[in-house]
Amino acid sequence: MPLRLADYPQLRLIAWNRREDDLVEEDEVLAMYERNWRYVDEAMLDRKEQQLIDRLIRQYGHGVLNV
């Protein structure tokens, strides 16, 4: 299921080179978080985005965030 970048503030920040309204497949979103985790401000993750990350880790990362 594609996700809209603008719906997740930290994802939007790490996807600065894409349009705000771009839709990205979930497995690619997890890969983006993993590649750019050093730029994610964990203290600024809202509940919705943290739940998304947790779900993506379970579903696509087999329980592991490779950072």
C-alpha atoms as a PDB file:
ATOM      1  CA  MET A   1       0.000   0.000   0.000  1.00  0.00           C
ATOM      2  CA  PRO A   2       1.580   3.319  -1.015  1.00  0.00           C
ATOM      3  CA  LEU A   3       2.157   5.962   1.635  1.00  0.00           C
ATOM      4  CA  ARG A   4       2.031   9.716   1.078  1.00  0.00           C
ATOM      5  CA  LEU A   5       5.280  11.356   2.167  1.00  0.00           C
ATOM      6  CA  ALA A   6       3.555  14.487   3.478  1.00  0.00           C
ATOM      7  CA  ASP A   7       1.627  12.409   6.054  1.00  0.00           C
ATOM      8  CA  TYR A   8       4.787  11.624   8.062  1.00  0.00           C
ATOM      9  CA  PRO A   9       6.964  14.612   9.112  1.00  0.00           C
ATOM     10  CA  GLN A  10      10.285  12.822   9.646  1.00  0.00           C
ATOM     11  CA  LEU A  11       9.831  10.792   6.473  1.00  0.00           C
ATOM     12  CA  ARG A  12       9.169  14.019   4.616  1.00  0.00           C
ATOM     13  CA  LEU A  13      12.437  15.451   5.946  1.00  0.00           C
ATOM     14  CA  ILE A  14      14.523  12.485   4.808  1.00  0.00           C
ATOM     15  CA  ALA A  15      12.747  12.444   1.446  1.00  0.00           C
ATOM     16  CA  TRP A  16      13.610  16.083   0.778  1.00  0.00           C
ATOM     17  CA  ASN A  17      14.429  15.326  -2.865  1.00  0.00           C
ATOM     18  CA  ARG A  18      10.917  14.073  -3.657  1.00  0.00           C
ATOM     19  CA  ARG A  19       7.646  15.919  -4.043  1.00  0.00           C
ATOM     20  CA  GLU A  20       5.633  16.227  -0.857  1.00  0.00           C
ATOM     21  CA  ASP A  21       2.602  14.521  -2.416  1.00  0.00           C
ATOM     22  CA  ASP A  22       4.583  11.537  -3.776  1.00  0.00           C
ATOM     23  CA  LEU A  23       3.284   8.087  -2.964  1.00  0.00           C
ATOM     24  CA  VAL A  24       5.910   5.497  -2.013  1.00  0.00           C
ATOM     25  CA  GLU A  25       5.479   1.755  -1.497  1.00  0.00           C
ATOM     26  CA  GLU A  26       5.849   0.599   2.107  1.00  0.00           C
ATOM     27  CA  ASP A  27       8.926  -1.567   1.563  1.00  0.00           C
ATOM     28  CA  GLU A  28      10.669   1.393  -0.060  1.00  0.00           C
ATOM     29  CA  VAL A  29       9.647   3.621   2.861  1.00  0.00           C
ATOM     30  CA  LEU A  30      11.347   1.231   5.288  1.00  0.00           C
ATOM     31  CA  ALA A  31      14.461   1.277   3.108  1.00  0.00           C
ATOM     32  CA  MET A  32      14.402   5.094   3.168  1.00  0.00           C
ATOM     33  CA  TYR A  33      14.208   5.134   6.975  1.00  0.00           C
ATOM     34  CA  GLU A  34      17.062   2.629   7.188  1.00  0.00           C
ATOM     35  CA  ARG A  35      19.322   4.536   4.764  1.00  0.00           C
ATOM     36  CA  ASN A  36      18.658   7.897   6.384  1.00  0.00           C
ATOM     37  CA  TRP A  37      18.064   7.017  10.041  1.00  0.00           C
ATOM     38  CA  ARG A  38      20.901   9.311  11.177  1.00  0.00           C
ATOM     39  CA  TYR A  39      18.759  12.252  10.010  1.00  0.00           C
ATOM     40  CA  VAL A  40      15.598  11.141  11.811  1.00  0.00           C
ATOM     41  CA  ASP A  41      14.975  13.086  15.028  1.00  0.00           C
ATOM     42  CA  GLU A  42      13.518  10.304  17.145  1.00  0.00           C
ATOM     43  CA  ALA A  43      12.309  12.785  19.755  1.00  0.00           C
ATOM     44  CA  MET A  44      10.164  14.437  17.077  1.00  0.00           C
ATOM     45  CA  LEU A  45       8.450  11.242  15.891  1.00  0.00           C
ATOM     46  CA  ASP A  46       4.733  11.547  16.534  1.00  0.00           C
ATOM     47  CA  ARG A  47       2.716   8.526  17.576  1.00  0.00           C
ATOM     48  CA  LYS A  48       1.363   7.911  14.058  1.00  0.00           C
ATOM     49  CA  GLU A  49       4.824   7.854  12.486  1.00  0.00           C
ATOM     50  CA  GLN A  50       6.322   5.708  15.261  1.00  0.00           C
ATOM     51  CA  GLN A  51       3.509   3.192  14.804  1.00  0.00           C
ATOM     52  CA  LEU A  52       4.165   3.183  11.063  1.00  0.00           C
ATOM     53  CA  ILE A  53       7.877   2.509  11.583  1.00  0.00           C
ATOM     54  CA  ASP A  54       7.132  -0.270  14.067  1.00  0.00           C
ATOM     55  CA  ARG A  55       4.704  -1.903  11.635  1.00  0.00           C
ATOM     56  CA  LEU A  56       7.109  -1.624   8.703  1.00  0.00           C
ATOM     57  CA  ILE A  57       9.882  -3.178  10.792  1.00  0.00           C
ATOM     58  CA  ARG A  58       7.640  -6.127  11.685  1.00  0.00           C
ATOM     59  CA  GLN A  59       6.209  -6.557   8.204  1.00  0.00           C
ATOM     60  CA  TYR A  60       9.200  -5.899   5.953  1.00  0.00           C
ATOM     61  CA  GLY A  61      12.226  -5.891   8.244  1.00  0.00           C
ATOM     62  CA  HIS A  62      11.400  -9.166  10.029  1.00  0.00           C
ATOM     63  CA  GLY A  63      11.646  -7.368  13.371  1.00  0.00           C
ATOM     64  CA  VAL A  64      14.912  -5.546  12.649  1.00  0.00           C
ATOM     65  CA  LEU A  65      15.615  -1.946  11.670  1.00  0.00           C
ATOM     66  CA  ASN A  66      18.937  -2.126   9.829  1.00  0.00           C
ATOM     67  CA  VAL A  67      20.652   1.104  10.799  1.00  0.00           C
END
